C-alpha atoms as a PDB file:
ATOM      1  CA  MET A   1     -11.724   7.116   6.423  1.00  0.00           C
ATOM      2  CA  LYS A   2      -9.754   9.627   4.392  1.00  0.00           C
ATOM      3  CA  ILE A   3      -9.683   9.222   0.514  1.00  0.00           C
ATOM      4  CA  GLY A   4      -6.897  10.018  -1.504  1.00  0.00           C
ATOM      5  CA  ALA A   5      -3.779   8.483  -3.976  1.00  0.00           C
ATOM      6  CA  VAL A   6      -0.465   6.772  -4.022  1.00  0.00           C
ATOM      7  CA  SER A   7       2.198   8.994  -5.382  1.00  0.00           C
ATOM      8  CA  LEU A   8       3.656   6.380  -7.375  1.00  0.00           C
ATOM      9  CA  GLY A   9       1.513   6.939 -10.500  1.00  0.00           C
ATOM     10  CA  TRP A  10       3.178  10.622 -10.141  1.00  0.00           C
ATOM     11  CA  SER A  11       6.886   9.453 -11.092  1.00  0.00           C
ATOM     12  CA  GLY A  12       9.073  12.287 -12.277  1.00  0.00           C
ATOM     13  CA  LYS A  13       6.546  14.885 -11.183  1.00  0.00           C
ATOM     14  CA  PRO A  14       7.577  17.495  -8.581  1.00  0.00           C
ATOM     15  CA  LEU A  15       5.908  16.528  -5.170  1.00  0.00           C
ATOM     16  CA  PRO A  16       4.114  20.104  -4.474  1.00  0.00           C
ATOM     17  CA  GLN A  17       2.472  19.169  -7.752  1.00  0.00           C
ATOM     18  CA  VAL A  18       1.300  15.791  -6.880  1.00  0.00           C
ATOM     19  CA  PHE A  19      -0.119  17.390  -3.556  1.00  0.00           C
ATOM     20  CA  ASP A  20      -1.994  20.233  -5.646  1.00  0.00           C
ATOM     21  CA  ASP A  21      -3.365  17.277  -7.878  1.00  0.00           C
ATOM     22  CA  VAL A  22      -4.526  15.334  -5.215  1.00  0.00           C
ATOM     23  CA  ARG A  23      -6.208  18.081  -3.778  1.00  0.00           C
ATOM     24  CA  ALA A  24      -7.759  19.147  -7.112  1.00  0.00           C
ATOM     25  CA  MET A  25      -9.300  15.944  -7.068  1.00  0.00           C
ATOM     26  CA  GLY A  26     -11.105  16.485  -3.751  1.00  0.00           C
ATOM     27  CA  GLY A  27      -8.372  13.775  -2.162  1.00  0.00           C
ATOM     28  CA  GLU A  28      -7.780  14.446   1.485  1.00  0.00           C
ATOM     29  CA  CYS A  29      -4.517  12.143   1.837  1.00  0.00           C
ATOM     30  CA  LEU A  30      -1.104  11.018  -0.077  1.00  0.00           C
ATOM     31  CA  GLU A  31       0.740   7.910   0.431  1.00  0.00           C
ATOM     32  CA  LEU A  32       4.279   8.953  -0.300  1.00  0.00           C
ATOM     33  CA  ASN A  33       6.551   7.121  -2.182  1.00  0.00           C
ATOM     34  CA  SER A  34      10.077   6.707  -0.403  1.00  0.00           C
ATOM     35  CA  GLN A  35      12.207   5.947  -3.454  1.00  0.00           C
ATOM     36  CA  PRO A  36      14.765   8.616  -3.801  1.00  0.00           C
ATOM     37  CA  GLU A  37      14.275  10.906  -6.725  1.00  0.00           C
ATOM     38  CA  LEU A  38      11.019   9.380  -7.856  1.00  0.00           C
ATOM     39  CA  HIS A  39       9.782  12.889  -7.506  1.00  0.00           C
ATOM     40  CA  ALA A  40      11.685  15.340  -9.640  1.00  0.00           C
ATOM     41  CA  GLY A  41      14.940  14.501  -8.235  1.00  0.00           C
ATOM     42  CA  LEU A  42      13.739  14.694  -4.639  1.00  0.00           C
ATOM     43  CA  ILE A  43      16.038  13.269  -1.854  1.00  0.00           C
ATOM     44  CA  PHE A  44      14.493  12.607   1.534  1.00  0.00           C
ATOM     45  CA  ASP A  45      16.707  14.029   4.266  1.00  0.00           C
ATOM     46  CA  HIS A  46      16.576  16.642   7.351  1.00  0.00           C
ATOM     47  CA  GLN A  47      16.408  19.536   5.015  1.00  0.00           C
ATOM     48  CA  THR A  48      13.559  18.568   2.849  1.00  0.00           C
ATOM     49  CA  ILE A  49      11.380  16.871   5.212  1.00  0.00           C
ATOM     50  CA  PRO A  50      10.374  20.380   6.905  1.00  0.00           C
ATOM     51  CA  GLN A  51       9.716  21.344   3.308  1.00  0.00           C
ATOM     52  CA  ILE A  52       7.423  18.392   2.459  1.00  0.00           C
ATOM     53  CA  ARG A  53       5.317  18.941   5.661  1.00  0.00           C
ATOM     54  CA  ASP A  54       4.943  22.484   4.306  1.00  0.00           C
ATOM     55  CA  TRP A  55       3.911  21.241   1.029  1.00  0.00           C
ATOM     56  CA  ALA A  56       1.125  18.719   2.455  1.00  0.00           C
ATOM     57  CA  ALA A  57      -0.029  21.642   4.785  1.00  0.00           C
ATOM     58  CA  THR A  58      -0.198  24.123   1.945  1.00  0.00           C
ATOM     59  CA  ALA A  59      -2.088  21.886  -0.123  1.00  0.00           C
ATOM     60  CA  GLY A  60      -4.510  20.594   2.744  1.00  0.00           C
ATOM     61  CA  VAL A  61      -3.481  16.911   2.020  1.00  0.00           C
ATOM     62  CA  GLN A  62      -2.440  14.720   4.703  1.00  0.00           C
ATOM     63  CA  ILE A  63       0.332  12.280   4.339  1.00  0.00           C
ATOM     64  CA  GLY A  64      -1.410   8.996   5.201  1.00  0.00           C
ATOM     65  CA  GLY A  65       1.160   6.377   4.601  1.00  0.00           C
ATOM     66  CA  ILE A  66       4.750   5.875   3.330  1.00  0.00           C
ATOM     67  CA  SER A  67       5.343   3.281   0.591  1.00  0.00           C
ATOM     68  CA  GLY A  68       8.399   1.462   1.979  1.00  0.00           C
ATOM     69  CA  TYR A  69      10.091  -1.394  -0.377  1.00  0.00           C
ATOM     70  CA  ASN A  70      11.767  -4.605   0.931  1.00  0.00           C
ATOM     71  CA  ASP A  71      12.016  -8.208  -0.427  1.00  0.00           C
ATOM     72  CA  PHE A  72      12.304 -10.602   2.766  1.00  0.00           C
ATOM     73  CA  ALA A  73      12.081 -13.588   0.520  1.00  0.00           C
ATOM     74  CA  GLN A  74      15.941 -14.099   1.407  1.00  0.00           C
ATOM     75  CA  ARG A  75      17.606 -17.447   2.125  1.00  0.00           C
ATOM     76  CA  ASP A  76      20.750 -15.602   2.951  1.00  0.00           C
ATOM     77  CA  GLN A  77      20.558 -14.069   6.370  1.00  0.00           C
ATOM     78  CA  ASP A  78      23.011 -10.923   5.190  1.00  0.00           C
ATOM     79  CA  ALA A  79      20.954 -10.535   2.382  1.00  0.00           C
ATOM     80  CA  LEU A  80      17.773 -10.606   4.745  1.00  0.00           C
ATOM     81  CA  ALA A  81      19.421  -7.950   7.055  1.00  0.00           C
ATOM     82  CA  THR A  82      19.890  -5.743   4.380  1.00  0.00           C
ATOM     83  CA  GLN A  83      16.305  -5.848   3.256  1.00  0.00           C
ATOM     84  CA  VAL A  84      15.437  -5.223   6.926  1.00  0.00           C
ATOM     85  CA  LYS A  85      17.676  -1.878   6.864  1.00  0.00           C
ATOM     86  CA  ARG A  86      15.895  -0.961   3.520  1.00  0.00           C
ATOM     87  CA  LEU A  87      12.299  -1.224   5.238  1.00  0.00           C
ATOM     88  CA  LEU A  88      13.633   0.710   8.206  1.00  0.00           C
ATOM     89  CA  ASP A  89      14.796   3.728   6.330  1.00  0.00           C
ATOM     90  CA  ALA A  90      11.112   4.339   5.106  1.00  0.00           C
ATOM     91  CA  CYS A  91      10.044   3.802   8.760  1.00  0.00           C
ATOM     92  CA  ARG A  92      12.368   6.762   9.882  1.00  0.00           C
ATOM     93  CA  LEU A  93      11.212   8.516   7.078  1.00  0.00           C
ATOM     94  CA  ALA A  94       7.450   8.022   8.387  1.00  0.00           C
ATOM     95  CA  SER A  95       8.634   8.749  12.110  1.00  0.00           C
ATOM     96  CA  GLU A  96      10.034  12.408  11.342  1.00  0.00           C
ATOM     97  CA  LEU A  97       6.879  12.798   9.134  1.00  0.00           C
ATOM     98  CA  GLY A  98       4.723  12.166  11.698  1.00  0.00           C
ATOM     99  CA  VAL A  99       3.299   9.107   9.683  1.00  0.00           C
ATOM    100  CA  SER A 100       2.507   5.827  11.168  1.00  0.00           C
ATOM    101  CA  VAL A 101       1.841   3.571   8.370  1.00  0.00           C
ATOM    102  CA  VAL A 102       4.567   2.140   6.214  1.00  0.00           C
ATOM    103  CA  ARG A 103       3.426  -0.021   3.309  1.00  0.00           C
ATOM    104  CA  ALA A 104       5.733  -3.432   3.151  1.00  0.00           C
ATOM    105  CA  PHE A 105       6.278  -6.256   0.690  1.00  0.00           C
ATOM    106  CA  PRO A 106       6.775  -9.867   1.394  1.00  0.00           C
ATOM    107  CA  GLY A 107       9.058 -10.522  -1.630  1.00  0.00           C
ATOM    108  CA  ASP A 108       9.629 -11.480  -4.876  1.00  0.00           C
ATOM    109  CA  PRO A 109       9.793 -15.150  -6.507  1.00  0.00           C
ATOM    110  CA  LYS A 110      13.218 -16.472  -7.320  1.00  0.00           C
ATOM    111  CA  PRO A 111      14.572 -19.341  -9.484  1.00  0.00           C
ATOM    112  CA  ASP A 112      15.760 -21.235  -6.334  1.00  0.00           C
ATOM    113  CA  THR A 113      12.843 -20.488  -3.705  1.00  0.00           C
ATOM    114  CA  THR A 114       9.449 -21.346  -3.078  1.00  0.00           C
ATOM    115  CA  LEU A 115       7.061 -19.761  -0.156  1.00  0.00           C
ATOM    116  CA  GLU A 116       7.742 -22.769   1.872  1.00  0.00           C
ATOM    117  CA  THR A 117      11.401 -22.272   1.586  1.00  0.00           C
ATOM    118  CA  VAL A 118      11.465 -18.533   2.352  1.00  0.00           C
ATOM    119  CA  TRP A 119       8.353 -18.473   4.790  1.00  0.00           C
ATOM    120  CA  PRO A 120      10.624 -18.638   7.893  1.00  0.00           C
ATOM    121  CA  SER A 121      12.308 -15.891   6.438  1.00  0.00           C
ATOM    122  CA  LEU A 122       9.311 -14.099   5.686  1.00  0.00           C
ATOM    123  CA  VAL A 123       8.542 -14.125   9.455  1.00  0.00           C
ATOM    124  CA  ALA A 124      11.789 -13.516  10.897  1.00  0.00           C
ATOM    125  CA  GLY A 125      12.042 -10.227   8.684  1.00  0.00           C
ATOM    126  CA  PHE A 126       8.808  -8.830   9.860  1.00  0.00           C
ATOM    127  CA  GLN A 127       9.515  -9.783  13.448  1.00  0.00           C
ATOM    128  CA  GLN A 128      12.819  -8.137  13.413  1.00  0.00           C
ATOM    129  CA  ALA A 129      11.611  -4.893  11.306  1.00  0.00           C
ATOM    130  CA  ALA A 130       8.709  -4.646  13.738  1.00  0.00           C
ATOM    131  CA  ARG A 131      10.653  -4.569  16.578  1.00  0.00           C
ATOM    132  CA  LEU A 132      12.898  -1.950  15.174  1.00  0.00           C
ATOM    133  CA  ALA A 133       9.575   0.159  13.979  1.00  0.00           C
ATOM    134  CA  GLU A 134       7.974   0.208  17.240  1.00  0.00           C
ATOM    135  CA  PRO A 135      10.003   2.713  18.945  1.00  0.00           C
ATOM    136  CA  LEU A 136       9.492   4.833  15.882  1.00  0.00           C
ATOM    137  CA  GLY A 137       5.554   4.774  16.244  1.00  0.00           C
ATOM    138  CA  VAL A 138       5.374   2.888  12.975  1.00  0.00           C
ATOM    139  CA  THR A 139       2.980  -0.008  11.955  1.00  0.00           C
ATOM    140  CA  LEU A 140       4.364  -2.106   8.854  1.00  0.00           C
ATOM    141  CA  ALA A 141       1.393  -3.018   6.555  1.00  0.00           C
ATOM    142  CA  ILE A 142       2.048  -5.926   4.528  1.00  0.00           C
ATOM    143  CA  GLU A 143       0.905  -5.781   0.726  1.00  0.00           C
ATOM    144  CA  ASN A 144      -0.903  -8.407  -1.466  1.00  0.00           C
ATOM    145  CA  HIS A 145       1.690  -7.797  -3.936  1.00  0.00           C
ATOM    146  CA  GLY A 146       3.221  -9.774  -6.470  1.00  0.00           C
ATOM    147  CA  HIS A 147       3.103 -13.609  -7.209  1.00  0.00           C
ATOM    148  CA  LEU A 148       5.019 -15.016  -4.182  1.00  0.00           C
ATOM    149  CA  LEU A 149       2.312 -14.252  -1.646  1.00  0.00           C
ATOM    150  CA  ASN A 150      -1.018 -12.800  -3.066  1.00  0.00           C
ATOM    151  CA  ASP A 151      -3.333 -14.827  -1.149  1.00  0.00           C
ATOM    152  CA  GLY A 152      -5.728 -13.482   1.638  1.00  0.00           C
ATOM    153  CA  PRO A 153      -5.616 -16.258   4.078  1.00  0.00           C
ATOM    154  CA  LEU A 154      -1.827 -16.910   4.017  1.00  0.00           C
ATOM    155  CA  LEU A 155      -1.212 -13.037   4.564  1.00  0.00           C
ATOM    156  CA  ALA A 156      -3.580 -13.314   7.585  1.00  0.00           C
ATOM    157  CA  ARG A 157      -1.478 -16.371   8.622  1.00  0.00           C
ATOM    158  CA  LEU A 158       2.024 -14.652   8.086  1.00  0.00           C
ATOM    159  CA  VAL A 159       0.748 -11.622  10.455  1.00  0.00           C
ATOM    160  CA  GLN A 160      -0.414 -14.119  12.927  1.00  0.00           C
ATOM    161  CA  GLU A 161       2.677 -15.920  13.018  1.00  0.00           C
ATOM    162  CA  VAL A 162       4.591 -12.513  13.029  1.00  0.00           C
ATOM    163  CA  GLY A 163       2.871 -11.785  16.005  1.00  0.00           C
ATOM    164  CA  ALA A 164       3.523  -8.191  16.532  1.00  0.00           C
ATOM    165  CA  ALA A 165       0.879  -5.610  17.389  1.00  0.00           C
ATOM    166  CA  ASN A 166       2.684  -3.459  14.815  1.00  0.00           C
ATOM    167  CA  VAL A 167       2.191  -5.540  11.727  1.00  0.00           C
ATOM    168  CA  GLY A 168      -0.826  -5.508   9.490  1.00  0.00           C
ATOM    169  CA  LEU A 169      -1.709  -5.775   6.059  1.00  0.00           C
ATOM    170  CA  THR A 170      -2.122  -3.005   2.972  1.00  0.00           C
ATOM    171  CA  LEU A 171      -5.337  -4.546   1.322  1.00  0.00           C
ATOM    172  CA  ASP A 172      -5.085  -3.720  -2.505  1.00  0.00           C
ATOM    173  CA  THR A 173      -8.616  -4.664  -3.761  1.00  0.00           C
ATOM    174  CA  GLY A 174      -7.269  -5.454  -7.185  1.00  0.00           C
ATOM    175  CA  ASN A 175      -4.136  -7.550  -6.725  1.00  0.00           C
ATOM    176  CA  PHE A 176      -5.595 -10.551  -5.887  1.00  0.00           C
ATOM    177  CA  CYS A 177      -7.297 -11.065  -9.347  1.00  0.00           C
ATOM    178  CA  TRP A 178      -4.236  -9.640 -11.360  1.00  0.00           C
ATOM    179  CA  ALA A 179      -2.405 -12.429  -9.844  1.00  0.00           C
ATOM    180  CA  GLY A 180      -4.911 -14.912 -11.169  1.00  0.00           C
ATOM    181  CA  HIS A 181      -7.925 -15.379  -8.476  1.00  0.00           C
ATOM    182  CA  ASN A 182     -11.389 -15.157  -9.398  1.00  0.00           C
ATOM    183  CA  LEU A 183     -14.202 -13.101  -8.138  1.00  0.00           C
ATOM    184  CA  ALA A 184     -15.243 -15.940  -5.548  1.00  0.00           C
ATOM    185  CA  GLN A 185     -11.364 -16.432  -4.457  1.00  0.00           C
ATOM    186  CA  ALA A 186     -11.113 -12.635  -4.116  1.00  0.00           C
ATOM    187  CA  GLN A 187     -13.919 -12.155  -1.998  1.00  0.00           C
ATOM    188  CA  ALA A 188     -12.299 -15.163   0.366  1.00  0.00           C
ATOM    189  CA  ASP A 189      -9.175 -13.408   0.214  1.00  0.00           C
ATOM    190  CA  PHE A 190     -11.018  -9.694   1.367  1.00  0.00           C
ATOM    191  CA  GLU A 191     -12.784 -11.488   4.152  1.00  0.00           C
ATOM    192  CA  ALA A 192      -9.492 -13.002   5.414  1.00  0.00           C
ATOM    193  CA  ALA A 193      -7.766  -9.890   4.998  1.00  0.00           C
ATOM    194  CA  LEU A 194     -10.200  -7.537   6.709  1.00  0.00           C
ATOM    195  CA  PRO A 195      -9.696  -7.898  10.391  1.00  0.00           C
ATOM    196  CA  HIS A 196      -5.793  -7.199   9.747  1.00  0.00           C
ATOM    197  CA  THR A 197      -5.994  -4.321   7.480  1.00  0.00           C
ATOM    198  CA  VAL A 198      -4.277  -1.078   8.454  1.00  0.00           C
ATOM    199  CA  ASN A 199      -3.894   0.563   5.220  1.00  0.00           C
ATOM    200  CA  VAL A 200      -5.969   0.280   1.731  1.00  0.00           C
ATOM    201  CA  HIS A 201      -5.130   0.558  -1.807  1.00  0.00           C
ATOM    202  CA  VAL A 202      -8.218   0.398  -4.302  1.00  0.00           C
ATOM    203  CA  LYS A 203      -7.651  -0.775  -7.749  1.00  0.00           C
ATOM    204  CA  ASP A 204     -10.884  -2.049  -9.810  1.00  0.00           C
ATOM    205  CA  GLY A 205     -10.801  -4.109 -13.185  1.00  0.00           C
ATOM    206  CA  VAL A 206     -12.552  -6.381 -15.797  1.00  0.00           C
ATOM    207  CA  TRP A 207     -11.720  -9.585 -17.035  1.00  0.00           C
ATOM    208  CA  ARG A 208     -10.918  -9.995 -20.510  1.00  0.00           C
ATOM    209  CA  GLY A 209     -10.150 -13.583 -21.231  1.00  0.00           C
ATOM    210  CA  ASP A 210      -7.471 -14.623 -18.765  1.00  0.00           C
ATOM    211  CA  GLN A 211      -6.499 -11.208 -18.027  1.00  0.00           C
ATOM    212  CA  PHE A 212      -7.677  -8.806 -15.304  1.00  0.00           C
ATOM    213  CA  GLU A 213      -7.231  -5.249 -16.600  1.00  0.00           C
ATOM    214  CA  PHE A 214      -7.170  -2.483 -14.477  1.00  0.00           C
ATOM    215  CA  VAL A 215      -9.902   0.411 -14.678  1.00  0.00           C
ATOM    216  CA  PRO A 216     -10.941   3.260 -12.600  1.00  0.00           C
ATOM    217  CA  ALA A 217     -12.714   2.660  -9.376  1.00  0.00           C
ATOM    218  CA  GLY A 218     -16.331   1.992  -9.498  1.00  0.00           C
ATOM    219  CA  GLU A 219     -16.084   1.092 -13.496  1.00  0.00           C
ATOM    220  CA  GLY A 220     -15.258  -2.358 -13.194  1.00  0.00           C
ATOM    221  CA  GLU A 221     -16.415  -5.951 -11.687  1.00  0.00           C
ATOM    222  CA  LEU A 222     -15.226  -5.764  -8.172  1.00  0.00           C
ATOM    223  CA  PRO A 223     -17.570  -5.294  -5.433  1.00  0.00           C
ATOM    224  CA  LEU A 224     -15.936  -2.046  -4.223  1.00  0.00           C
ATOM    225  CA  SER A 225     -18.802  -0.736  -2.718  1.00  0.00           C
ATOM    226  CA  ASP A 226     -19.589  -3.899  -0.522  1.00  0.00           C
ATOM    227  CA  TRP A 227     -15.990  -4.063   0.533  1.00  0.00           C
ATOM    228  CA  LEU A 228     -15.677  -0.216   1.294  1.00  0.00           C
ATOM    229  CA  ALA A 229     -18.820  -0.835   3.592  1.00  0.00           C
ATOM    230  CA  ALA A 230     -17.534  -3.824   5.043  1.00  0.00           C
ATOM    231  CA  LEU A 231     -14.148  -1.707   6.017  1.00  0.00           C
ATOM    232  CA  ALA A 232     -16.201   0.875   7.548  1.00  0.00           C
ATOM    233  CA  ALA A 233     -18.499  -1.821   9.518  1.00  0.00           C
ATOM    234  CA  ALA A 234     -15.154  -3.067  10.897  1.00  0.00           C
ATOM    235  CA  GLY A 235     -14.504   0.323  12.097  1.00  0.00           C
ATOM    236  CA  TYR A 236     -11.481   0.720   9.795  1.00  0.00           C
ATOM    237  CA  GLN A 237     -10.533   4.543   9.807  1.00  0.00           C
ATOM    238  CA  GLY A 238      -7.239   4.900   7.999  1.00  0.00           C
ATOM    239  CA  ALA A 239      -6.486   5.903   4.480  1.00  0.00           C
ATOM    240  CA  VAL A 240      -8.330   4.529   1.271  1.00  0.00           C
ATOM    241  CA  CYS A 241      -5.995   5.522  -1.606  1.00  0.00           C
ATOM    242  CA  SER A 242      -6.563   4.981  -5.202  1.00  0.00           C
ATOM    243  CA  GLU A 243      -3.736   3.322  -7.261  1.00  0.00           C
ATOM    244  CA  PHE A 244      -4.935   3.901 -10.670  1.00  0.00           C
ATOM    245  CA  GLU A 245      -2.638   1.540 -13.049  1.00  0.00           C
ATOM    246  CA  GLY A 246      -4.863   1.115 -16.127  1.00  0.00           C
ATOM    247  CA  ALA A 247      -4.692   2.379 -19.687  1.00  0.00           C
ATOM    248  CA  GLY A 248      -5.452   5.511 -20.402  1.00  0.00           C
ATOM    249  CA  ASP A 249      -4.573   8.929 -18.672  1.00  0.00           C
ATOM    250  CA  PHE A 250      -3.336   8.505 -15.285  1.00  0.00           C
ATOM    251  CA  LEU A 251      -4.643  11.514 -13.730  1.00  0.00           C
ATOM    252  CA  GLN A 252      -8.167  11.094 -15.210  1.00  0.00           C
ATOM    253  CA  GLY A 253      -8.404   7.731 -14.288  1.00  0.00           C
ATOM    254  CA  THR A 254      -7.305   8.801 -10.621  1.00  0.00           C
ATOM    255  CA  GLN A 255      -9.885  11.605 -10.666  1.00  0.00           C
ATOM    256  CA  ARG A 256     -12.715   9.394 -11.404  1.00  0.00           C
ATOM    257  CA  SER A 257     -11.420   6.765  -9.048  1.00  0.00           C
ATOM    258  CA  VAL A 258     -10.983   9.543  -5.962  1.00  0.00           C
ATOM    259  CA  ARG A 259     -14.595  10.778  -6.990  1.00  0.00           C
ATOM    260  CA  TYR A 260     -16.107   7.490  -6.719  1.00  0.00           C
ATOM    261  CA  LEU A 261     -14.644   6.535  -3.421  1.00  0.00           C
ATOM    262  CA  LEU A 262     -15.352   9.925  -1.871  1.00  0.00           C
ATOM    263  CA  ALA A 263     -19.202   9.174  -3.155  1.00  0.00           C
ATOM    264  CA  GLN A 264     -18.989   5.974  -1.378  1.00  0.00           C
ATOM    265  CA  ARG A 265     -17.554   6.959   1.994  1.00  0.00           C
ATOM    266  CA  ASP A 266     -20.266   9.943   2.157  1.00  0.00           C
ATOM    267  CA  LYS A 267     -23.466   8.608   0.847  1.00  0.00           C
END
């Protein structure tokens, strides 16, 4: 496993600074967010991609994945096609950077939809995207994100129904509980997602009443040590990236999380 962080938390900061901050924390990899101008106006194109490679190499930090964006919870086929194209833009960026994993989303709830009504679109959207991403050497990693589809067994079912070798899951350790699952449910979610996991985001948290509040990794109530050991036992060798979204200073929270993850991997 390579330990690092997700670049979204550095929104507005220059990308060279992000790489340097990750390296200073002891991090080894970065999941690069693909939103244009997120990092101090940076646009991803043929001119900037060589720069990005140089910044990563200078810092000694590997780009372990690309954060892609899409919403396949569509009932209109033209809208679905637009979302497939949006995800493919991130896949092309990944391919040009020599990165093999792109994080993806199922989609967001809408007033006129349910998971059941948009399920065929989720399957079709990922089948189409996977077919287009395959010649780019890219694997799509669907995250347990949001409120539409944040359930381990259902995400595993989605991967199985898509039936593409280059479609797996981004396992976010904190998002199941953020979406309302208790610890026993989160354990079942983890076990269902584990065989399909190709990318990992790490969050930890504590329950305060009905709310699950994020804290640095290793300082909350999730069995992260056990989960990381299970990932290693399953042969997972990909990126394990802190995605600290708790209260307090982002850099300090991320640094504490990265330090914990390195210690767990190396013990």
